[in-house]
Amino acid sequence: MATQGSRERIFGRNAVYEVLRAGRRSVYALDVAEGAEVRGGLRRVLDLAAAASVDARRVRRADLDRESDSHQGVAATVEAYPYVEIEDILGRATELNELPLVLLLDLIQNPQNLGTLLRTAEAVGVHGVVIGSHRAAGITPAVVSSSSGASEHLRIARANLAQGMERLRTAGVWMVGLEGGPEGVPMDEVNLAGALGLVVGNEGEGMRRLVRESCDVLMRVPMRGRVESLNAAVAGSLALYAAWAARGYAGAGGEQATGGLH
């Protein structure tokens, strides 16, 4: 959970818009650069802010430039990210009467990779994400931005990953770890339709030994080309879509399963 009283700055129109739309964090201030035209994405932000009784103030663009080089003329001061518990993730699956689909990230440290994985996770309707409590990137403003605000609509827990995997396993969740080497079973030979925890390892070193040993099966994404391996975010995204496909693209075309934690 967020530390009481802690605040952070979110930059960019998509990120600020999704913070407002999700409604999970208190928004203490909304700053708009002087001269920014109120249309398109900025109009959407201001309309949501007005509906939430958040006043916008005009500030010098140079002031925002000193804070961020990608602010797009908008910044918000908000409550720190509201992490959840693993029980909340399992509860979401129960609430939807679905088998759990959980993404677990072992020491993903690059904010761009984390943001990409979160954006894909939200798109396919995962019930939650578990990230390590130490040495891994958390949900920082940079991650909110790189996920285009998808982080705001996800249940994300921080935990000791091996312990988290064990808790999920006791709930009947099968642990599948992504493995680029020959030890991995080809993805099309792995049953991804059941209660599933997909484990993605560190960008450079893969999964740590204990996490790897805690997996029920290791799985690799088939490759035809000559490149040795896929980026962690790309491989994880492909596997997430494969898992969603195995579920018959549940929820496609309707309300997003992970949309809005109101």
C-alpha atoms as a PDB file:
ATOM      1  CA  MET A   1       0.000   0.000   0.000  1.00  0.00           C
ATOM      2  CA  ALA A   2       1.061   3.613  -0.442  1.00  0.00           C
ATOM      3  CA  THR A   3       2.925   5.226   2.396  1.00  0.00           C
ATOM      4  CA  GLN A   4       0.557   7.645   4.103  1.00  0.00           C
ATOM      5  CA  GLY A   5       1.346  11.239   3.217  1.00  0.00           C
ATOM      6  CA  SER A   6       3.828  10.352   0.431  1.00  0.00           C
ATOM      7  CA  ARG A   7       3.435  12.140  -2.902  1.00  0.00           C
ATOM      8  CA  GLU A   8       4.986  12.031  -6.349  1.00  0.00           C
ATOM      9  CA  ARG A   9       4.827  13.860  -9.646  1.00  0.00           C
ATOM     10  CA  ILE A  10       3.282  12.284 -12.762  1.00  0.00           C
ATOM     11  CA  PHE A  11       4.065  13.771 -16.179  1.00  0.00           C
ATOM     12  CA  GLY A  12       2.478  13.401 -19.609  1.00  0.00           C
ATOM     13  CA  ARG A  13      -1.072  13.556 -20.894  1.00  0.00           C
ATOM     14  CA  ASN A  14      -1.775   9.813 -21.088  1.00  0.00           C
ATOM     15  CA  ALA A  15      -0.274   9.088 -17.679  1.00  0.00           C
ATOM     16  CA  VAL A  16      -2.114  11.921 -15.925  1.00  0.00           C
ATOM     17  CA  TYR A  17      -5.347  11.053 -17.726  1.00  0.00           C
ATOM     18  CA  GLU A  18      -5.217   7.413 -16.587  1.00  0.00           C
ATOM     19  CA  VAL A  19      -4.418   8.439 -13.001  1.00  0.00           C
ATOM     20  CA  LEU A  20      -7.551  10.573 -13.026  1.00  0.00           C
ATOM     21  CA  ARG A  21      -9.643   7.949 -14.839  1.00  0.00           C
ATOM     22  CA  ALA A  22      -8.691   5.090 -12.514  1.00  0.00           C
ATOM     23  CA  GLY A  23      -9.487   7.186  -9.449  1.00  0.00           C
ATOM     24  CA  ARG A  24      -7.234   5.152  -7.162  1.00  0.00           C
ATOM     25  CA  ARG A  25      -4.956   7.977  -6.060  1.00  0.00           C
ATOM     26  CA  SER A  26      -5.654  11.337  -4.525  1.00  0.00           C
ATOM     27  CA  VAL A  27      -4.663  14.138  -6.916  1.00  0.00           C
ATOM     28  CA  TYR A  28      -3.404  17.154  -5.017  1.00  0.00           C
ATOM     29  CA  ALA A  29      -2.462  19.490  -7.878  1.00  0.00           C
ATOM     30  CA  LEU A  30      -2.710  19.643 -11.657  1.00  0.00           C
ATOM     31  CA  ASP A  31      -0.279  21.893 -13.523  1.00  0.00           C
ATOM     32  CA  VAL A  32      -0.720  22.924 -17.153  1.00  0.00           C
ATOM     33  CA  ALA A  33       1.950  24.780 -19.094  1.00  0.00           C
ATOM     34  CA  GLU A  34       1.139  28.320 -20.143  1.00  0.00           C
ATOM     35  CA  GLY A  35       0.325  28.447 -23.844  1.00  0.00           C
ATOM     36  CA  ALA A  36      -0.754  24.783 -24.070  1.00  0.00           C
ATOM     37  CA  GLU A  37      -3.827  24.523 -26.299  1.00  0.00           C
ATOM     38  CA  VAL A  38      -6.851  23.001 -24.609  1.00  0.00           C
ATOM     39  CA  ARG A  39      -7.803  20.350 -27.149  1.00  0.00           C
ATOM     40  CA  GLY A  40      -7.405  16.624 -27.730  1.00  0.00           C
ATOM     41  CA  GLY A  41      -5.586  14.863 -24.911  1.00  0.00           C
ATOM     42  CA  LEU A  42      -5.330  17.965 -22.756  1.00  0.00           C
ATOM     43  CA  ARG A  43      -9.087  18.592 -23.052  1.00  0.00           C
ATOM     44  CA  ARG A  44      -9.714  15.020 -21.847  1.00  0.00           C
ATOM     45  CA  VAL A  45      -7.416  15.577 -18.867  1.00  0.00           C
ATOM     46  CA  LEU A  46      -9.075  18.841 -17.892  1.00  0.00           C
ATOM     47  CA  ASP A  47     -12.576  17.426 -18.257  1.00  0.00           C
ATOM     48  CA  LEU A  48     -11.756  14.522 -15.952  1.00  0.00           C
ATOM     49  CA  ALA A  49     -10.049  16.842 -13.484  1.00  0.00           C
ATOM     50  CA  ALA A  50     -13.122  19.080 -13.365  1.00  0.00           C
ATOM     51  CA  ALA A  51     -15.365  16.059 -12.782  1.00  0.00           C
ATOM     52  CA  ALA A  52     -13.102  15.055  -9.875  1.00  0.00           C
ATOM     53  CA  SER A  53     -13.076  18.629  -8.479  1.00  0.00           C
ATOM     54  CA  VAL A  54      -9.345  18.996  -9.155  1.00  0.00           C
ATOM     55  CA  ASP A  55      -8.432  22.550 -10.058  1.00  0.00           C
ATOM     56  CA  ALA A  56      -5.898  23.100 -12.830  1.00  0.00           C
ATOM     57  CA  ARG A  57      -3.368  25.904 -12.584  1.00  0.00           C
ATOM     58  CA  ARG A  58      -1.256  27.442 -15.295  1.00  0.00           C
ATOM     59  CA  VAL A  59       2.500  27.333 -14.721  1.00  0.00           C
ATOM     60  CA  ARG A  60       5.507  28.408 -16.756  1.00  0.00           C
ATOM     61  CA  ARG A  61       6.577  25.770 -19.257  1.00  0.00           C
ATOM     62  CA  ALA A  62      10.179  26.330 -18.146  1.00  0.00           C
ATOM     63  CA  ASP A  63       9.221  25.151 -14.664  1.00  0.00           C
ATOM     64  CA  LEU A  64       7.921  21.863 -16.061  1.00  0.00           C
ATOM     65  CA  ASP A  65      10.983  21.585 -18.316  1.00  0.00           C
ATOM     66  CA  ARG A  66      13.175  21.568 -15.224  1.00  0.00           C
ATOM     67  CA  GLU A  67      11.263  18.573 -13.854  1.00  0.00           C
ATOM     68  CA  SER A  68      10.798  16.463 -16.973  1.00  0.00           C
ATOM     69  CA  ASP A  69      11.709  16.415 -20.654  1.00  0.00           C
ATOM     70  CA  SER A  70       8.526  14.549 -21.580  1.00  0.00           C
ATOM     71  CA  HIS A  71       5.799  16.362 -19.658  1.00  0.00           C
ATOM     72  CA  GLN A  72       3.706  17.286 -22.748  1.00  0.00           C
ATOM     73  CA  GLY A  73       2.593  20.397 -20.906  1.00  0.00           C
ATOM     74  CA  VAL A  74       0.927  18.525 -18.019  1.00  0.00           C
ATOM     75  CA  ALA A  75       1.972  17.385 -14.554  1.00  0.00           C
ATOM     76  CA  ALA A  76       0.077  16.201 -11.507  1.00  0.00           C
ATOM     77  CA  THR A  77       1.020  15.868  -7.853  1.00  0.00           C
ATOM     78  CA  VAL A  78      -0.527  12.630  -6.641  1.00  0.00           C
ATOM     79  CA  GLU A  79      -0.577  10.094  -3.853  1.00  0.00           C
ATOM     80  CA  ALA A  80       2.117   7.387  -4.048  1.00  0.00           C
ATOM     81  CA  TYR A  81       1.254   4.215  -5.949  1.00  0.00           C
ATOM     82  CA  PRO A  82      -1.275   1.991  -4.110  1.00  0.00           C
ATOM     83  CA  TYR A  83       0.213  -1.509  -4.064  1.00  0.00           C
ATOM     84  CA  VAL A  84      -2.035  -4.420  -3.120  1.00  0.00           C
ATOM     85  CA  GLU A  85      -1.591  -7.847  -1.551  1.00  0.00           C
ATOM     86  CA  ILE A  86      -1.485 -11.131  -3.432  1.00  0.00           C
ATOM     87  CA  GLU A  87      -4.836 -11.993  -1.866  1.00  0.00           C
ATOM     88  CA  ASP A  88      -6.356  -9.011  -3.684  1.00  0.00           C
ATOM     89  CA  ILE A  89      -5.118 -10.419  -6.999  1.00  0.00           C
ATOM     90  CA  LEU A  90      -6.641 -13.820  -6.296  1.00  0.00           C
ATOM     91  CA  GLY A  91      -9.801 -12.086  -5.142  1.00  0.00           C
ATOM     92  CA  ARG A  92     -10.089 -10.274  -8.469  1.00  0.00           C
ATOM     93  CA  ALA A  93     -10.055 -13.585 -10.348  1.00  0.00           C
ATOM     94  CA  THR A  94     -12.711 -14.977  -8.007  1.00  0.00           C
ATOM     95  CA  GLU A  95     -14.820 -11.852  -8.448  1.00  0.00           C
ATOM     96  CA  LEU A  96     -14.773 -12.334 -12.226  1.00  0.00           C
ATOM     97  CA  ASN A  97     -15.311 -16.103 -11.925  1.00  0.00           C
ATOM     98  CA  GLU A  98     -12.126 -16.688 -13.912  1.00  0.00           C
ATOM     99  CA  LEU A  99      -9.038 -18.832 -13.425  1.00  0.00           C
ATOM    100  CA  PRO A 100      -6.190 -16.623 -12.171  1.00  0.00           C
ATOM    101  CA  LEU A 101      -3.805 -15.122 -14.705  1.00  0.00           C
ATOM    102  CA  VAL A 102      -0.884 -13.483 -12.909  1.00  0.00           C
ATOM    103  CA  LEU A 103       2.323 -11.915 -14.219  1.00  0.00           C
ATOM    104  CA  LEU A 104       5.383 -12.259 -11.965  1.00  0.00           C
ATOM    105  CA  LEU A 105       8.514 -10.217 -12.665  1.00  0.00           C
ATOM    106  CA  ASP A 106      11.888 -11.291 -11.298  1.00  0.00           C
ATOM    107  CA  LEU A 107      14.186  -8.268 -10.957  1.00  0.00           C
ATOM    108  CA  ILE A 108      12.985  -6.364 -14.025  1.00  0.00           C
ATOM    109  CA  GLN A 109      14.990  -3.165 -13.599  1.00  0.00           C
ATOM    110  CA  ASN A 110      14.476  -1.137 -16.775  1.00  0.00           C
ATOM    111  CA  PRO A 111      11.454   1.191 -16.410  1.00  0.00           C
ATOM    112  CA  GLN A 112      10.729   0.970 -20.141  1.00  0.00           C
ATOM    113  CA  ASN A 113      10.639  -2.839 -20.058  1.00  0.00           C
ATOM    114  CA  LEU A 114       8.479  -2.808 -16.949  1.00  0.00           C
ATOM    115  CA  GLY A 115       6.130  -0.295 -18.519  1.00  0.00           C
ATOM    116  CA  THR A 116       5.814  -2.378 -21.686  1.00  0.00           C
ATOM    117  CA  LEU A 117       5.011  -5.523 -19.714  1.00  0.00           C
ATOM    118  CA  LEU A 118       2.430  -3.704 -17.610  1.00  0.00           C
ATOM    119  CA  ARG A 119       0.780  -2.239 -20.688  1.00  0.00           C
ATOM    120  CA  THR A 120       0.510  -5.703 -22.254  1.00  0.00           C
ATOM    121  CA  ALA A 121      -0.692  -7.220 -18.975  1.00  0.00           C
ATOM    122  CA  GLU A 122      -3.492  -4.681 -18.758  1.00  0.00           C
ATOM    123  CA  ALA A 123      -4.403  -5.212 -22.407  1.00  0.00           C
ATOM    124  CA  VAL A 124      -4.888  -8.980 -22.006  1.00  0.00           C
ATOM    125  CA  GLY A 125      -6.736  -8.726 -18.703  1.00  0.00           C
ATOM    126  CA  VAL A 126      -4.353 -10.188 -16.141  1.00  0.00           C
ATOM    127  CA  HIS A 127      -5.773 -10.265 -12.643  1.00  0.00           C
ATOM    128  CA  GLY A 128      -2.604  -8.862 -11.146  1.00  0.00           C
ATOM    129  CA  VAL A 129       1.155  -8.452 -11.254  1.00  0.00           C
ATOM    130  CA  VAL A 130       3.742  -9.407  -8.624  1.00  0.00           C
ATOM    131  CA  ILE A 131       7.106  -7.638  -8.563  1.00  0.00           C
ATOM    132  CA  GLY A 132      10.021  -8.259  -6.225  1.00  0.00           C
ATOM    133  CA  SER A 133      10.307  -6.171  -3.095  1.00  0.00           C
ATOM    134  CA  HIS A 134      14.067  -5.626  -3.494  1.00  0.00           C
ATOM    135  CA  ARG A 135      16.424  -4.724  -6.371  1.00  0.00           C
ATOM    136  CA  ALA A 136      13.561  -4.413  -8.858  1.00  0.00           C
ATOM    137  CA  ALA A 137      11.962  -1.352 -10.394  1.00  0.00           C
ATOM    138  CA  GLY A 138       8.809  -0.271  -8.604  1.00  0.00           C
ATOM    139  CA  ILE A 139       5.899   1.706 -10.005  1.00  0.00           C
ATOM    140  CA  THR A 140       7.692   5.012 -10.340  1.00  0.00           C
ATOM    141  CA  PRO A 141       6.418   8.011 -12.337  1.00  0.00           C
ATOM    142  CA  ALA A 142       8.706   6.886 -15.184  1.00  0.00           C
ATOM    143  CA  VAL A 143       7.005   3.478 -15.211  1.00  0.00           C
ATOM    144  CA  VAL A 144       3.551   5.058 -15.156  1.00  0.00           C
ATOM    145  CA  SER A 145       4.574   7.071 -18.200  1.00  0.00           C
ATOM    146  CA  SER A 146       6.187   4.165 -20.069  1.00  0.00           C
ATOM    147  CA  SER A 147       3.081   2.037 -19.462  1.00  0.00           C
ATOM    148  CA  SER A 148       0.906   4.877 -20.840  1.00  0.00           C
ATOM    149  CA  GLY A 149      -0.924   4.808 -17.522  1.00  0.00           C
ATOM    150  CA  ALA A 150      -1.795   1.093 -17.692  1.00  0.00           C
ATOM    151  CA  SER A 151      -0.243   0.663 -14.239  1.00  0.00           C
ATOM    152  CA  GLU A 152      -3.173   2.639 -12.798  1.00  0.00           C
ATOM    153  CA  HIS A 153      -5.645  -0.061 -13.812  1.00  0.00           C
ATOM    154  CA  LEU A 154      -3.661  -3.043 -12.517  1.00  0.00           C
ATOM    155  CA  ARG A 155      -3.468  -4.714  -9.153  1.00  0.00           C
ATOM    156  CA  ILE A 156       0.277  -4.825  -8.420  1.00  0.00           C
ATOM    157  CA  ALA A 157       1.827  -6.445  -5.351  1.00  0.00           C
ATOM    158  CA  ARG A 158       5.392  -6.149  -4.080  1.00  0.00           C
ATOM    159  CA  ALA A 159       6.590  -9.310  -2.378  1.00  0.00           C
ATOM    160  CA  ASN A 160       9.392 -11.799  -1.969  1.00  0.00           C
ATOM    161  CA  LEU A 161       8.905 -13.483  -5.327  1.00  0.00           C
ATOM    162  CA  ALA A 162       9.597 -17.073  -4.265  1.00  0.00           C
ATOM    163  CA  GLN A 163       7.197 -16.710  -1.333  1.00  0.00           C
ATOM    164  CA  GLY A 164       4.628 -15.095  -3.572  1.00  0.00           C
ATOM    165  CA  MET A 165       4.907 -17.970  -6.010  1.00  0.00           C
ATOM    166  CA  GLU A 166       4.350 -20.451  -3.198  1.00  0.00           C
ATOM    167  CA  ARG A 167       1.225 -18.589  -2.056  1.00  0.00           C
ATOM    168  CA  LEU A 168      -0.150 -18.640  -5.585  1.00  0.00           C
ATOM    169  CA  ARG A 169       0.686 -22.307  -5.945  1.00  0.00           C
ATOM    170  CA  THR A 170      -1.361 -23.120  -2.834  1.00  0.00           C
ATOM    171  CA  ALA A 171      -4.279 -21.440  -4.633  1.00  0.00           C
ATOM    172  CA  GLY A 172      -3.827 -23.832  -7.556  1.00  0.00           C
ATOM    173  CA  VAL A 173      -1.857 -21.519  -9.819  1.00  0.00           C
ATOM    174  CA  TRP A 174       0.631 -23.249 -12.145  1.00  0.00           C
ATOM    175  CA  MET A 175       3.995 -21.464 -12.383  1.00  0.00           C
ATOM    176  CA  VAL A 176       5.438 -21.125 -15.902  1.00  0.00           C
ATOM    177  CA  GLY A 177       8.842 -19.462 -16.195  1.00  0.00           C
ATOM    178  CA  LEU A 178      10.110 -17.963 -19.451  1.00  0.00           C
ATOM    179  CA  GLU A 179      13.406 -19.552 -20.436  1.00  0.00           C
ATOM    180  CA  GLY A 180      15.290 -18.771 -23.633  1.00  0.00           C
ATOM    181  CA  GLY A 181      17.611 -21.786 -23.490  1.00  0.00           C
ATOM    182  CA  PRO A 182      17.139 -25.390 -24.578  1.00  0.00           C
ATOM    183  CA  GLU A 183      15.695 -26.307 -21.153  1.00  0.00           C
ATOM    184  CA  GLY A 184      12.522 -24.458 -22.091  1.00  0.00           C
ATOM    185  CA  VAL A 185       9.564 -26.361 -23.525  1.00  0.00           C
ATOM    186  CA  PRO A 186       8.256 -24.776 -26.760  1.00  0.00           C
ATOM    187  CA  MET A 187       5.350 -22.453 -25.999  1.00  0.00           C
ATOM    188  CA  ASP A 188       2.892 -24.351 -28.189  1.00  0.00           C
ATOM    189  CA  GLU A 189       3.481 -27.486 -26.091  1.00  0.00           C
ATOM    190  CA  VAL A 190       2.561 -25.831 -22.777  1.00  0.00           C
ATOM    191  CA  ASN A 191      -1.040 -25.692 -21.556  1.00  0.00           C
ATOM    192  CA  LEU A 192      -1.652 -22.013 -20.795  1.00  0.00           C
ATOM    193  CA  ALA A 193      -5.414 -22.232 -20.397  1.00  0.00           C
ATOM    194  CA  GLY A 194      -5.509 -23.024 -16.675  1.00  0.00           C
ATOM    195  CA  ALA A 195      -4.741 -21.022 -13.542  1.00  0.00           C
ATOM    196  CA  LEU A 196      -1.425 -19.503 -14.595  1.00  0.00           C
ATOM    197  CA  GLY A 197       1.445 -17.513 -13.143  1.00  0.00           C
ATOM    198  CA  LEU A 198       3.808 -16.346 -15.893  1.00  0.00           C
ATOM    199  CA  VAL A 199       7.304 -15.590 -14.587  1.00  0.00           C
ATOM    200  CA  VAL A 200       9.589 -13.242 -16.549  1.00  0.00           C
ATOM    201  CA  GLY A 201      13.217 -12.948 -15.486  1.00  0.00           C
ATOM    202  CA  ASN A 202      15.764 -10.143 -15.393  1.00  0.00           C
ATOM    203  CA  GLU A 203      16.769  -8.496 -18.672  1.00  0.00           C
ATOM    204  CA  GLY A 204      20.353  -9.745 -18.534  1.00  0.00           C
ATOM    205  CA  GLU A 205      20.462 -12.789 -16.270  1.00  0.00           C
ATOM    206  CA  GLY A 206      16.993 -14.274 -16.492  1.00  0.00           C
ATOM    207  CA  MET A 207      15.371 -15.787 -13.430  1.00  0.00           C
ATOM    208  CA  ARG A 208      17.277 -16.229 -10.206  1.00  0.00           C
ATOM    209  CA  ARG A 209      17.982 -19.818  -9.177  1.00  0.00           C
ATOM    210  CA  LEU A 210      15.363 -20.039  -6.413  1.00  0.00           C
ATOM    211  CA  VAL A 211      12.695 -18.462  -8.601  1.00  0.00           C
ATOM    212  CA  ARG A 212      13.613 -20.750 -11.482  1.00  0.00           C
ATOM    213  CA  GLU A 213      13.431 -23.821  -9.245  1.00  0.00           C
ATOM    214  CA  SER A 214      10.033 -22.677  -7.990  1.00  0.00           C
ATOM    215  CA  CYS A 215       8.560 -22.905 -11.501  1.00  0.00           C
ATOM    216  CA  ASP A 216       6.487 -25.927 -12.460  1.00  0.00           C
ATOM    217  CA  VAL A 217       7.683 -25.735 -16.067  1.00  0.00           C
ATOM    218  CA  LEU A 218      10.119 -23.655 -18.095  1.00  0.00           C
ATOM    219  CA  MET A 219       8.836 -22.373 -21.425  1.00  0.00           C
ATOM    220  CA  ARG A 220      10.537 -20.771 -24.407  1.00  0.00           C
ATOM    221  CA  VAL A 221       9.125 -18.633 -27.175  1.00  0.00           C
ATOM    222  CA  PRO A 222       9.902 -20.362 -30.515  1.00  0.00           C
ATOM    223  CA  MET A 223      12.186 -18.372 -32.819  1.00  0.00           C
ATOM    224  CA  ARG A 224      12.984 -18.723 -36.484  1.00  0.00           C
ATOM    225  CA  GLY A 225      15.505 -15.924 -36.967  1.00  0.00           C
ATOM    226  CA  ARG A 226      19.181 -15.672 -36.110  1.00  0.00           C
ATOM    227  CA  VAL A 227      18.974 -13.324 -33.130  1.00  0.00           C
ATOM    228  CA  GLU A 228      19.981 -15.213 -30.009  1.00  0.00           C
ATOM    229  CA  SER A 229      17.084 -14.176 -27.787  1.00  0.00           C
ATOM    230  CA  LEU A 230      14.188 -11.766 -27.389  1.00  0.00           C
ATOM    231  CA  ASN A 231      14.045  -8.772 -25.092  1.00  0.00           C
ATOM    232  CA  ALA A 232      12.376  -9.684 -21.774  1.00  0.00           C
ATOM    233  CA  ALA A 233       9.489  -7.301 -22.408  1.00  0.00           C
ATOM    234  CA  VAL A 234       8.888  -8.651 -25.920  1.00  0.00           C
ATOM    235  CA  ALA A 235       9.068 -12.311 -24.854  1.00  0.00           C
ATOM    236  CA  GLY A 236       6.821 -11.644 -21.872  1.00  0.00           C
ATOM    237  CA  SER A 237       4.300  -9.809 -24.037  1.00  0.00           C
ATOM    238  CA  LEU A 238       4.170 -12.649 -26.562  1.00  0.00           C
ATOM    239  CA  ALA A 239       3.629 -15.172 -23.768  1.00  0.00           C
ATOM    240  CA  LEU A 240       0.864 -13.057 -22.207  1.00  0.00           C
ATOM    241  CA  TYR A 241      -0.979 -12.937 -25.513  1.00  0.00           C
ATOM    242  CA  ALA A 242      -0.527 -16.686 -25.933  1.00  0.00           C
ATOM    243  CA  ALA A 243      -2.083 -17.204 -22.501  1.00  0.00           C
ATOM    244  CA  TRP A 244      -4.996 -14.947 -23.407  1.00  0.00           C
ATOM    245  CA  ALA A 245      -5.453 -16.800 -26.694  1.00  0.00           C
ATOM    246  CA  ALA A 246      -5.538 -20.092 -24.780  1.00  0.00           C
ATOM    247  CA  ARG A 247      -8.465 -18.632 -22.819  1.00  0.00           C
ATOM    248  CA  GLY A 248     -10.334 -17.853 -26.014  1.00  0.00           C
ATOM    249  CA  TYR A 249      -9.572 -14.124 -25.755  1.00  0.00           C
ATOM    250  CA  ALA A 250     -11.936 -13.858 -22.787  1.00  0.00           C
ATOM    251  CA  GLY A 251     -13.430 -10.400 -22.441  1.00  0.00           C
ATOM    252  CA  ALA A 252     -12.356  -9.187 -25.882  1.00  0.00           C
ATOM    253  CA  GLY A 253     -14.645  -6.502 -27.237  1.00  0.00           C
ATOM    254  CA  GLY A 254     -16.262  -5.904 -23.884  1.00  0.00           C
ATOM    255  CA  GLU A 255     -15.374  -4.079 -20.719  1.00  0.00           C
ATOM    256  CA  GLN A 256     -11.719  -4.605 -19.824  1.00  0.00           C
ATOM    257  CA  ALA A 257     -11.307  -7.167 -17.062  1.00  0.00           C
ATOM    258  CA  THR A 258      -8.696  -5.045 -15.326  1.00  0.00           C
ATOM    259  CA  GLY A 259     -10.223  -1.666 -16.051  1.00  0.00           C
ATOM    260  CA  GLY A 260     -10.757   0.831 -13.236  1.00  0.00           C
ATOM    261  CA  LEU A 261     -10.235  -0.342  -9.655  1.00  0.00           C
ATOM    262  CA  HIS A 262     -12.917   1.934  -8.216  1.00  0.00           C
END
